[in-house]
Amino acid sequence: MLQWFKNVWVLSIKELKSLLSDVVMIALMVVVLSLAIYSVATSISTEVRHASVAIMDADHSVLSYRIRDSLLEPYFKQPVEVRREDVEAAMDKGDYVFVLDIPANFERDVIAGRSPTIQVLADATSVTQAGIGFNYLSQIIDTQTRSFLRQPVATEYSPVTPVLNTQFNPNGESSWFIATMNVVSNLTLLAIILVGAAVIREREHGTIEQLLVMPVHPSEIVMAKIFANGAVISVASLLSLWLVIEGWLNIPINGSVSLFSLGMIIYLFSVASLGIWFATLAPTMPQFGLLCLPIYVVMRLLSGSESPLESMPVFFQYITWFSPETQFTQFSQDVLFRDAGLDIVWPKIIMMTIMGALFLALALSRFRGMLAQHS
């Protein structure tokens, strides 16, 4: 057993030197865990930001101008008044996300208590902005109308007063969630590609024959590739968490980084084993890429990092729990956002360990067969 660990250590050093000498892979790792995370976190937003608004104002009253002046940055752009005959063409071209149609005699009817209507047209191709922005506009119109009539807002006479206490992300900043989940998703991609590429590189360069004449076991070769690449990715991911997430983006990490590191190591063992299995199924690097890409995309989309698991059909909710990325995504959210302890996340750690053992068994079985073909 001691000799097994010695062989794994020596082979791990060899793998580490090979990886660190690969400038392309190192550059890929740096870009994926720094610039890619920063650009996605700062460019993508689930909030309403700078939504374009057009107004058809047939009233031109004090109240209609109050509503118009209440549409402020950064939620809405400066409203633009348009003619009724131009609205359809402008909406077809996507010039405006919202169009407000304020009818004639709107203020007079409000004062008379006739309950006039304001039609709000929304371009629902911008799903998030249309949904959230419509609620914003409804609140603005209601608030300005009540203020104009000097009526109390609804909450002032409601029999129940809700008290909102937002946990873990008080300001509702989508960048907090997006940036952290991109670290999780990107280290998945790196683990599969780096470990799988290491196996295929051995085969394409002919160095697999050198391993055959060495007194080493296939399990030692596989574990060395997992340990070496996993160690580099672990260090790079933690640096990304500290330097990019906390330092560059100023996103606080609420939970235990040590517990997160433990789960990350187990997860990397799982997906690295998966990467070796894929590499044994694909004879060339292009075929390996074509095999990994669709599987990675599906794993990511169904992991809960892009949309809540509860929003998916029940069938897919059950299926996706057998994906290691789903387990690690939920684990990361619990630890980094909610400061969950080991007593809460241990089932996910056990699940990732079981999956890792299964993938390792599959990888070893295929790897032995691959070595036998070259012997």
Protein backbone atom coordinates (compact mmCIF):
# COMPACT_ATOMS: atom_id res chain seq x y z
CA MET A 1 0.00 0.00 0.00
CA LEU A 2 2.88 2.34 0.83
CA GLN A 3 4.37 1.68 -2.61
CA TRP A 4 1.02 2.57 -4.17
CA PHE A 5 1.10 6.02 -2.53
CA LYS A 6 4.74 6.52 -3.56
CA ASN A 7 3.94 5.71 -7.17
CA VAL A 8 0.92 8.02 -7.14
CA TRP A 9 3.07 10.80 -5.67
CA VAL A 10 5.78 10.41 -8.34
CA LEU A 11 3.24 10.27 -11.15
CA SER A 12 1.40 13.28 -9.69
CA ILE A 13 4.60 15.33 -9.82
CA LYS A 14 5.04 14.28 -13.45
CA GLU A 15 1.45 15.30 -14.25
CA LEU A 16 1.89 18.59 -12.43
CA LYS A 17 5.01 19.47 -14.42
CA SER A 18 3.25 18.54 -17.65
CA LEU A 19 0.24 20.72 -16.80
CA LEU A 20 2.29 23.73 -15.69
CA SER A 21 4.32 23.56 -18.90
CA ASP A 22 1.15 23.72 -21.00
CA VAL A 23 0.80 27.46 -21.57
CA VAL A 24 -2.54 27.16 -23.35
CA MET A 25 -4.19 25.25 -20.50
CA ILE A 26 -2.81 27.63 -17.87
CA ALA A 27 -4.04 30.62 -19.88
CA LEU A 28 -7.45 28.97 -20.22
CA MET A 29 -7.62 28.45 -16.46
CA VAL A 30 -6.68 32.07 -15.72
CA VAL A 31 -9.21 33.50 -18.17
CA VAL A 32 -12.06 31.18 -17.14
CA LEU A 33 -11.62 31.86 -13.41
CA SER A 34 -11.01 35.62 -13.65
CA LEU A 35 -12.03 37.61 -16.72
CA ALA A 36 -14.89 35.29 -17.64
CA ILE A 37 -16.39 35.47 -14.15
CA TYR A 38 -15.99 39.25 -13.91
CA SER A 39 -17.48 39.92 -17.35
CA VAL A 40 -20.48 37.65 -16.78
CA ALA A 41 -21.15 39.03 -13.28
CA THR A 42 -21.05 42.65 -14.42
CA SER A 43 -22.77 42.21 -17.78
CA ILE A 44 -25.72 39.95 -16.94
CA SER A 45 -28.43 41.22 -14.61
CA THR A 46 -31.80 39.84 -13.59
CA GLU A 47 -32.97 43.24 -12.37
CA VAL A 48 -34.66 45.95 -14.41
CA ARG A 49 -31.91 48.24 -15.69
CA HIS A 50 -32.29 51.07 -18.22
CA ALA A 51 -35.54 49.75 -19.67
CA SER A 52 -36.70 51.87 -22.61
CA VAL A 53 -40.13 53.46 -22.17
CA ALA A 54 -42.39 55.24 -24.64
CA ILE A 55 -45.48 57.24 -23.68
CA MET A 56 -48.60 58.03 -25.68
CA ASP A 57 -49.93 60.94 -23.64
CA ALA A 58 -53.33 62.08 -24.86
CA ASP A 59 -54.01 63.96 -21.62
CA HIS A 60 -50.93 66.18 -21.03
CA SER A 61 -52.15 66.91 -17.53
CA VAL A 62 -50.32 67.47 -14.26
CA LEU A 63 -50.96 63.85 -13.24
CA SER A 64 -49.70 62.39 -16.53
CA TYR A 65 -46.51 64.44 -16.27
CA ARG A 66 -46.04 63.33 -12.65
CA ILE A 67 -46.21 59.71 -13.77
CA ARG A 68 -43.75 60.41 -16.60
CA ASP A 69 -41.29 62.19 -14.30
CA SER A 70 -41.37 59.28 -11.84
CA LEU A 71 -39.74 56.90 -14.34
CA LEU A 72 -36.14 57.37 -13.27
CA GLU A 73 -32.72 55.87 -13.81
CA PRO A 74 -31.29 53.32 -13.27
CA TYR A 75 -34.53 51.37 -13.70
CA PHE A 76 -35.90 53.19 -16.73
CA LYS A 77 -34.47 55.35 -19.46
CA GLN A 78 -35.84 58.84 -20.03
CA PRO A 79 -39.37 58.28 -21.39
CA VAL A 80 -39.94 59.20 -25.03
CA GLU A 81 -43.29 60.50 -26.26
CA VAL A 82 -44.43 58.76 -29.45
CA ARG A 83 -47.35 59.02 -31.80
CA ARG A 84 -49.96 56.27 -31.74
CA GLU A 85 -49.38 55.32 -35.38
CA ASP A 86 -45.65 54.75 -34.71
CA VAL A 87 -46.04 52.43 -31.73
CA GLU A 88 -46.60 49.14 -33.56
CA ALA A 89 -43.55 49.57 -35.81
CA ALA A 90 -41.38 50.62 -32.85
CA MET A 91 -42.45 47.59 -30.81
CA ASP A 92 -41.81 45.29 -33.78
CA LYS A 93 -38.26 46.65 -34.04
CA GLY A 94 -37.71 46.31 -30.30
CA ASP A 95 -37.14 50.03 -29.75
CA TYR A 96 -39.09 50.05 -26.48
CA VAL A 97 -39.64 47.53 -23.70
CA PHE A 98 -42.69 49.38 -22.35
CA VAL A 99 -45.27 51.69 -23.87
CA LEU A 100 -47.70 53.61 -21.63
CA ASP A 101 -50.99 54.71 -23.19
CA ILE A 102 -52.48 57.52 -21.09
CA PRO A 103 -55.99 58.32 -22.39
CA ALA A 104 -57.51 61.75 -22.88
CA ASN A 105 -59.19 63.32 -19.83
CA PHE A 106 -57.27 60.93 -17.60
CA GLU A 107 -56.73 63.42 -14.77
CA ARG A 108 -60.34 64.67 -14.92
CA ASP A 109 -61.69 61.11 -14.70
CA VAL A 110 -59.39 60.31 -11.77
CA ILE A 111 -60.62 63.34 -9.85
CA ALA A 112 -64.22 62.42 -10.68
CA GLY A 113 -63.66 58.89 -9.36
CA ARG A 114 -64.37 57.17 -12.69
CA SER A 115 -61.38 54.79 -12.40
CA PRO A 116 -59.81 55.35 -15.83
CA THR A 117 -57.27 52.85 -17.17
CA ILE A 118 -53.69 53.22 -18.38
CA GLN A 119 -52.69 50.57 -20.88
CA VAL A 120 -49.14 49.26 -20.50
CA LEU A 121 -47.67 47.40 -23.47
CA ALA A 122 -44.65 45.23 -22.63
CA ASP A 123 -42.21 43.50 -24.94
CA ALA A 124 -42.15 40.07 -23.29
CA THR A 125 -39.16 38.89 -25.33
CA SER A 126 -37.25 40.59 -22.52
CA VAL A 127 -38.88 38.27 -20.01
CA THR A 128 -37.22 39.49 -16.83
CA GLN A 129 -37.58 43.19 -17.60
CA ALA A 130 -41.16 42.77 -18.77
CA GLY A 131 -42.25 40.86 -15.67
CA ILE A 132 -40.47 42.86 -12.99
CA GLY A 133 -40.74 46.18 -14.83
CA PHE A 134 -44.51 45.84 -15.17
CA ASN A 135 -44.79 45.55 -11.39
CA TYR A 136 -42.57 48.62 -10.98
CA LEU A 137 -44.74 50.61 -13.38
CA SER A 138 -47.94 49.52 -11.63
CA GLN A 139 -46.55 50.64 -8.28
CA ILE A 140 -45.37 53.97 -9.71
CA ILE A 141 -48.73 54.72 -11.33
CA ASP A 142 -50.63 53.77 -8.17
CA THR A 143 -48.32 55.76 -5.90
CA GLN A 144 -48.41 58.91 -8.04
CA THR A 145 -52.18 58.75 -8.44
CA ARG A 146 -52.74 58.40 -4.69
CA SER A 147 -50.25 61.17 -4.01
CA PHE A 148 -52.03 63.42 -6.51
CA LEU A 149 -55.37 62.73 -4.80
CA ARG A 150 -53.70 63.03 -1.38
CA GLN A 151 -54.87 59.52 -0.52
CA PRO A 152 -52.86 57.19 1.74
CA VAL A 153 -50.97 54.38 0.06
CA ALA A 154 -52.49 50.93 0.41
CA THR A 155 -50.15 49.76 3.17
CA GLU A 156 -51.19 52.64 5.43
CA TYR A 157 -54.71 51.26 5.94
CA SER A 158 -54.06 47.57 5.33
CA PRO A 159 -55.09 45.32 8.27
CA VAL A 160 -51.81 43.42 7.84
CA THR A 161 -48.39 45.07 7.57
CA PRO A 162 -45.80 42.75 6.03
CA VAL A 163 -42.24 43.24 7.26
CA LEU A 164 -39.71 42.20 4.64
CA ASN A 165 -36.44 40.77 5.95
CA THR A 166 -34.20 39.77 3.04
CA GLN A 167 -31.60 37.19 4.04
CA PHE A 168 -28.17 36.45 2.51
CA ASN A 169 -28.44 39.12 -0.23
CA PRO A 170 -30.12 42.20 1.29
CA ASN A 171 -29.96 44.40 -1.82
CA GLY A 172 -30.99 41.63 -4.21
CA GLU A 173 -27.82 41.98 -6.28
CA SER A 174 -27.90 39.34 -9.02
CA SER A 175 -24.12 39.68 -9.51
CA TRP A 176 -23.55 38.03 -6.11
CA PHE A 177 -25.28 34.87 -7.23
CA ILE A 178 -24.09 34.90 -10.84
CA ALA A 179 -20.40 35.36 -10.01
CA THR A 180 -20.26 32.65 -7.35
CA MET A 181 -22.20 30.14 -9.41
CA ASN A 182 -19.87 30.78 -12.35
CA VAL A 183 -16.92 29.71 -10.22
CA VAL A 184 -18.75 26.45 -9.56
CA SER A 185 -19.66 25.91 -13.21
CA ASN A 186 -16.26 26.90 -14.58
CA LEU A 187 -14.29 24.62 -12.28
CA THR A 188 -16.52 21.79 -13.52
CA LEU A 189 -15.56 22.56 -17.10
CA LEU A 190 -11.86 22.86 -16.22
CA ALA A 191 -11.81 19.57 -14.31
CA ILE A 192 -13.38 17.61 -17.15
CA ILE A 193 -11.23 19.20 -19.86
CA LEU A 194 -7.86 19.19 -18.08
CA VAL A 195 -8.02 15.61 -16.83
CA GLY A 196 -9.52 14.27 -20.04
CA ALA A 197 -6.98 16.16 -22.15
CA ALA A 198 -4.15 14.69 -20.06
CA VAL A 199 -5.29 11.16 -20.92
CA ILE A 200 -5.74 11.88 -24.63
CA ARG A 201 -2.41 13.73 -24.77
CA GLU A 202 -0.67 10.61 -23.44
CA ARG A 203 -2.33 8.54 -26.13
CA GLU A 204 -1.72 10.96 -29.03
CA HIS A 205 1.94 11.62 -28.10
CA GLY A 206 2.69 7.94 -27.65
CA THR A 207 3.75 8.30 -24.02
CA ILE A 208 1.11 5.79 -22.99
CA GLU A 209 3.57 3.09 -24.10
CA GLN A 210 6.11 4.43 -21.63
CA LEU A 211 3.61 3.95 -18.83
CA LEU A 212 3.05 0.36 -19.92
CA VAL A 213 6.68 -0.60 -19.29
CA MET A 214 6.72 1.08 -15.87
CA PRO A 215 5.89 -0.97 -12.75
CA VAL A 216 2.71 1.00 -12.08
CA HIS A 217 -0.93 0.00 -11.78
CA PRO A 218 -3.70 1.66 -13.86
CA SER A 219 -5.29 2.94 -10.65
CA GLU A 220 -2.05 4.77 -9.81
CA ILE A 221 -2.00 6.47 -13.21
CA VAL A 222 -5.64 7.52 -12.93
CA MET A 223 -5.36 8.80 -9.36
CA ALA A 224 -2.19 10.75 -10.22
CA LYS A 225 -4.01 12.59 -12.99
CA ILE A 226 -6.93 13.32 -10.68
CA PHE A 227 -4.73 14.52 -7.81
CA ALA A 228 -2.44 16.72 -9.92
CA ASN A 229 -5.13 18.44 -11.96
CA GLY A 230 -7.53 18.61 -9.02
CA ALA A 231 -4.90 20.31 -6.85
CA VAL A 232 -4.21 23.00 -9.45
CA ILE A 233 -7.91 23.64 -10.07
CA SER A 234 -8.62 23.78 -6.31
CA VAL A 235 -5.93 26.40 -5.73
CA ALA A 236 -7.04 28.40 -8.77
CA SER A 237 -10.70 28.29 -7.68
CA LEU A 238 -9.91 29.47 -4.15
CA LEU A 239 -7.79 32.31 -5.56
CA SER A 240 -10.71 33.22 -7.81
CA LEU A 241 -13.01 33.21 -4.79
CA TRP A 242 -10.73 35.55 -2.82
CA LEU A 243 -9.25 37.77 -5.53
CA VAL A 244 -12.10 38.03 -8.05
CA ILE A 245 -15.27 37.47 -6.01
CA GLU A 246 -14.30 39.20 -2.76
CA GLY A 247 -11.56 41.51 -4.02
CA TRP A 248 -12.49 42.61 -7.52
CA LEU A 249 -16.30 42.38 -7.31
CA ASN A 250 -16.61 43.15 -3.56
CA ILE A 251 -19.01 40.25 -3.01
CA PRO A 252 -18.98 39.02 0.61
CA ILE A 253 -18.56 35.32 1.35
CA ASN A 254 -20.78 34.50 4.33
CA GLY A 255 -19.87 30.87 4.88
CA SER A 256 -16.88 28.73 5.73
CA VAL A 257 -14.28 28.61 2.97
CA SER A 258 -12.74 25.55 4.65
CA LEU A 259 -15.99 23.59 4.40
CA PHE A 260 -16.42 24.76 0.82
CA SER A 261 -12.89 23.56 0.05
CA LEU A 262 -13.70 20.13 1.46
CA GLY A 263 -16.77 19.80 -0.72
CA MET A 264 -14.88 21.17 -3.73
CA ILE A 265 -12.11 18.55 -3.38
CA ILE A 266 -14.67 15.73 -3.25
CA TYR A 267 -16.53 17.22 -6.19
CA LEU A 268 -13.36 17.60 -8.27
CA PHE A 269 -12.58 13.95 -7.58
CA SER A 270 -16.02 13.11 -8.95
CA VAL A 271 -15.95 15.20 -12.14
CA ALA A 272 -12.27 14.45 -12.83
CA SER A 273 -13.15 10.75 -12.80
CA LEU A 274 -15.98 11.58 -15.19
CA GLY A 275 -13.49 13.39 -17.44
CA ILE A 276 -11.18 10.36 -17.56
CA TRP A 277 -14.14 8.14 -18.43
CA PHE A 278 -15.08 10.47 -21.30
CA ALA A 279 -11.45 10.48 -22.50
CA THR A 280 -11.42 6.69 -22.70
CA LEU A 281 -14.61 6.77 -24.78
CA ALA A 282 -13.30 9.33 -27.30
CA PRO A 283 -10.31 8.37 -29.47
CA THR A 284 -9.28 11.95 -30.36
CA MET A 285 -9.32 15.39 -28.76
CA PRO A 286 -12.01 16.83 -31.09
CA GLN A 287 -14.30 13.89 -30.36
CA PHE A 288 -13.62 14.33 -26.65
CA GLY A 289 -14.69 17.96 -26.91
CA LEU A 290 -17.86 17.04 -28.81
CA LEU A 291 -18.69 14.46 -26.15
CA CYS A 292 -18.05 16.75 -23.18
CA LEU A 293 -19.74 19.92 -24.41
CA PRO A 294 -23.40 18.79 -24.59
CA ILE A 295 -23.12 16.82 -21.35
CA TYR A 296 -21.56 19.80 -19.56
CA VAL A 297 -24.23 22.18 -20.88
CA VAL A 298 -27.06 19.92 -19.72
CA MET A 299 -25.43 19.39 -16.31
CA ARG A 300 -25.03 23.15 -15.88
CA LEU A 301 -28.52 24.13 -17.00
CA LEU A 302 -30.15 21.54 -14.73
CA SER A 303 -27.86 22.13 -11.73
CA GLY A 304 -29.79 25.02 -10.18
CA SER A 305 -27.13 27.60 -11.01
CA GLU A 306 -29.15 29.06 -13.90
CA SER A 307 -32.68 28.66 -12.51
CA PRO A 308 -34.16 27.23 -9.31
CA LEU A 309 -34.63 23.48 -9.21
CA GLU A 310 -38.17 24.02 -7.97
CA SER A 311 -39.05 25.72 -11.29
CA MET A 312 -38.24 22.57 -13.27
CA PRO A 313 -40.69 19.75 -14.02
CA VAL A 314 -40.83 17.21 -11.20
CA PHE A 315 -39.37 14.48 -13.41
CA PHE A 316 -36.24 16.55 -14.13
CA GLN A 317 -35.92 17.49 -10.47
CA TYR A 318 -35.51 13.82 -9.61
CA ILE A 319 -33.19 13.11 -12.55
CA THR A 320 -30.89 16.05 -11.92
CA TRP A 321 -30.23 15.01 -8.31
CA PHE A 322 -28.07 12.24 -9.76
CA SER A 323 -25.77 14.84 -11.31
CA PRO A 324 -22.69 15.74 -9.23
CA GLU A 325 -22.90 19.35 -10.39
CA THR A 326 -26.40 19.67 -8.95
CA GLN A 327 -25.18 18.38 -5.60
CA PHE A 328 -22.18 20.71 -5.59
CA THR A 329 -24.24 23.71 -6.71
CA GLN A 330 -26.71 23.21 -3.85
CA PHE A 331 -23.81 22.55 -1.48
CA SER A 332 -22.08 25.79 -2.56
CA GLN A 333 -25.24 27.85 -2.17
CA ASP A 334 -25.83 26.43 1.31
CA VAL A 335 -22.26 27.04 2.47
CA LEU A 336 -21.23 30.28 0.73
CA PHE A 337 -24.57 32.12 0.90
CA ARG A 338 -26.40 30.67 3.90
CA ASP A 339 -23.38 29.78 6.09
CA ALA A 340 -24.63 26.22 6.50
CA GLY A 341 -22.53 23.85 8.60
CA LEU A 342 -21.43 20.28 8.09
CA ASP A 343 -24.50 19.06 9.99
CA ILE A 344 -26.68 20.42 7.16
CA VAL A 345 -24.64 19.69 4.02
CA TRP A 346 -23.27 16.24 4.89
CA PRO A 347 -25.86 14.39 2.74
CA LYS A 348 -24.64 16.27 -0.34
CA ILE A 349 -21.02 15.42 0.51
CA ILE A 350 -21.94 11.74 0.84
CA MET A 351 -23.82 11.86 -2.48
CA MET A 352 -20.86 13.45 -4.28
CA THR A 353 -18.53 10.82 -2.79
CA ILE A 354 -20.75 7.97 -4.00
CA MET A 355 -20.94 9.49 -7.48
CA GLY A 356 -17.17 9.96 -7.52
CA ALA A 357 -16.61 6.30 -6.59
CA LEU A 358 -19.00 5.21 -9.36
CA PHE A 359 -17.32 7.39 -11.99
CA LEU A 360 -13.88 6.23 -10.83
CA ALA A 361 -14.91 2.58 -11.21
CA LEU A 362 -16.18 3.27 -14.73
CA ALA A 363 -13.02 5.23 -15.59
CA LEU A 364 -10.70 2.50 -14.27
CA SER A 365 -12.58 -0.18 -16.17
CA ARG A 366 -12.29 1.69 -19.45
CA PHE A 367 -8.71 2.82 -18.73
CA ARG A 368 -7.56 -0.76 -18.21
CA GLY A 369 -9.15 -1.71 -21.50
CA MET A 370 -7.41 1.20 -23.25
CA LEU A 371 -4.02 0.13 -21.85
CA ALA A 372 -4.68 -3.45 -22.91
CA GLN A 373 -5.25 -2.29 -26.49
CA HIS A 374 -1.86 -0.53 -26.53
CA SER A 375 0.04 -3.41 -24.94
